[in-house]
PDB file of N, CA and C in Angstrom:
ATOM      1  N   UNK A   1     -96.939-209.708  40.915  1.00  0.00           N
ATOM      2  CA  UNK A   1     -97.793-209.285  42.025  1.00  0.00           C
ATOM      3  C   UNK A   1     -96.973-208.563  43.072  1.00  0.00           C
ATOM      4  N   UNK A   2     -97.498-207.412  43.550  1.00  0.00           N
ATOM      5  CA  UNK A   2     -96.775-206.631  44.549  1.00  0.00           C
ATOM      6  C   UNK A   2     -97.616-206.453  45.816  1.00  0.00           C
ATOM      7  N   UNK A   3     -96.949-206.279  46.897  1.00  0.00           N
ATOM      8  CA  UNK A   3     -97.641-205.973  48.150  1.00  0.00           C
ATOM      9  C   UNK A   3     -96.679-205.209  49.049  1.00  0.00           C
ATOM     10  N   UNK A   4     -97.228-204.597  50.106  1.00  0.00           N
ATOM     11  CA  UNK A   4     -96.361-203.849  51.034  1.00  0.00           C
ATOM     12  C   UNK A   4     -96.089-204.656  52.283  1.00  0.00           C
ATOM     13  N   UNK A   5     -94.818-204.778  52.604  1.00  0.00           N
ATOM     14  CA  UNK A   5     -94.449-205.521  53.814  1.00  0.00           C
ATOM     15  C   UNK A   5     -94.657-204.603  55.029  1.00  0.00           C
ATOM     16  N   UNK A   6     -94.497-205.133  56.248  1.00  0.00           N
ATOM     17  CA  UNK A   6     -94.734-204.320  57.444  1.00  0.00           C
ATOM     18  C   UNK A   6     -93.902-203.028  57.504  1.00  0.00           C
ATOM     19  N   UNK A   7     -92.802-202.984  56.752  1.00  0.00           N
ATOM     20  CA  UNK A   7     -91.959-201.799  56.756  1.00  0.00           C
ATOM     21  C   UNK A   7     -92.390-200.799  55.686  1.00  0.00           C
ATOM     22  N   UNK A   8     -93.406-201.183  54.867  1.00  0.00           N
ATOM     23  CA  UNK A   8     -93.892-200.297  53.820  1.00  0.00           C
ATOM     24  C   UNK A   8     -93.106-200.430  52.530  1.00  0.00           C
ATOM     25  N   UNK A   9     -92.307-201.473  52.436  1.00  0.00           N
ATOM     26  CA  UNK A   9     -91.526-201.690  51.201  1.00  0.00           C
ATOM     27  C   UNK A   9     -92.354-202.469  50.186  1.00  0.00           C
ATOM     28  N   UNK A  10     -92.291-202.042  48.935  1.00  0.00           N
ATOM     29  CA  UNK A  10     -93.010-202.762  47.886  1.00  0.00           C
ATOM     30  C   UNK A  10     -92.189-203.989  47.492  1.00  0.00           C
ATOM     31  N   UNK A  11     -92.764-205.136  47.688  1.00  0.00           N
ATOM     32  CA  UNK A  11     -92.044-206.391  47.393  1.00  0.00           C
ATOM     33  C   UNK A  11     -92.756-207.124  46.269  1.00  0.00           C
ATOM     34  N   UNK A  12     -91.979-207.852  45.472  1.00  0.00           N
ATOM     35  CA  UNK A  12     -92.564-208.608  44.391  1.00  0.00           C
ATOM     36  C   UNK A  12     -92.640-210.065  44.808  1.00  0.00           C
ATOM     37  N   UNK A  13     -93.842-210.646  44.720  1.00  0.00           N
ATOM     38  CA  UNK A  13     -94.065-212.023  45.141  1.00  0.00           C
ATOM     39  C   UNK A  13     -93.149-213.005  44.433  1.00  0.00           C
ATOM     40  N   UNK A  14     -92.840-212.741  43.161  1.00  0.00           N
ATOM     41  CA  UNK A  14     -92.028-213.647  42.380  1.00  0.00           C
ATOM     42  C   UNK A  14     -90.621-213.795  42.979  1.00  0.00           C
ATOM     43  N   UNK A  15     -90.206-212.808  43.740  1.00  0.00           N
ATOM     44  CA  UNK A  15     -88.861-212.813  44.298  1.00  0.00           C
ATOM     45  C   UNK A  15     -88.764-213.726  45.490  1.00  0.00           C
ATOM     46  N   UNK A  16     -89.887-214.234  45.952  1.00  0.00           N
ATOM     47  CA  UNK A  16     -89.880-215.105  47.157  1.00  0.00           C
ATOM     48  C   UNK A  16     -90.545-216.427  46.870  1.00  0.00           C
ATOM     49  N   UNK A  17     -89.940-217.516  47.311  1.00  0.00           N
ATOM     50  CA  UNK A  17     -90.544-218.829  47.125  1.00  0.00           C
ATOM     51  C   UNK A  17     -91.664-219.054  48.124  1.00  0.00           C
ATOM     52  N   UNK A  18     -91.584-218.380  49.252  1.00  0.00           N
ATOM     53  CA  UNK A  18     -92.577-218.554  50.296  1.00  0.00           C
ATOM     54  C   UNK A  18     -92.826-217.235  51.002  1.00  0.00           C
ATOM     55  N   UNK A  19     -94.075-216.897  51.204  1.00  0.00           N
ATOM     56  CA  UNK A  19     -94.387-215.615  51.843  1.00  0.00           C
ATOM     57  C   UNK A  19     -93.762-215.509  53.223  1.00  0.00           C
ATOM     58  N   UNK A  20     -93.527-216.620  53.872  1.00  0.00           N
ATOM     59  CA  UNK A  20     -92.940-216.603  55.229  1.00  0.00           C
ATOM     60  C   UNK A  20     -91.519-216.038  55.176  1.00  0.00           C
ATOM     61  N   UNK A  21     -90.851-216.160  54.034  1.00  0.00           N
ATOM     62  CA  UNK A  21     -89.496-215.616  53.927  1.00  0.00           C
ATOM     63  C   UNK A  21     -89.523-214.086  53.999  1.00  0.00           C
ATOM     64  N   UNK A  22     -90.623-213.521  53.561  1.00  0.00           N
ATOM     65  CA  UNK A  22     -90.734-212.061  53.581  1.00  0.00           C
ATOM     66  C   UNK A  22     -90.847-211.573  55.038  1.00  0.00           C
ATOM     67  N   UNK A  23     -91.730-212.217  55.791  1.00  0.00           N
ATOM     68  CA  UNK A  23     -91.985-211.768  57.169  1.00  0.00           C
ATOM     69  C   UNK A  23     -90.930-212.255  58.125  1.00  0.00           C
ATOM     70  N   UNK A  24     -89.992-213.095  57.654  1.00  0.00           N
ATOM     71  CA  UNK A  24     -88.909-213.605  58.510  1.00  0.00           C
ATOM     72  C   UNK A  24     -87.810-212.556  58.665  1.00  0.00           C
ATOM     73  N   UNK A  25     -87.880-211.475  57.868  1.00  0.00           N
ATOM     74  CA  UNK A  25     -86.821-210.451  57.919  1.00  0.00           C
ATOM     75  C   UNK A  25     -86.736-209.817  59.284  1.00  0.00           C
TER      76      UNK A  25
END
């Protein structure tokens, strides 16, 4: 599963254990 983070980067959900880790950048 992919989605775009606030910076417009395509991220893969599998790469993160928790969605909060994505937005913590």
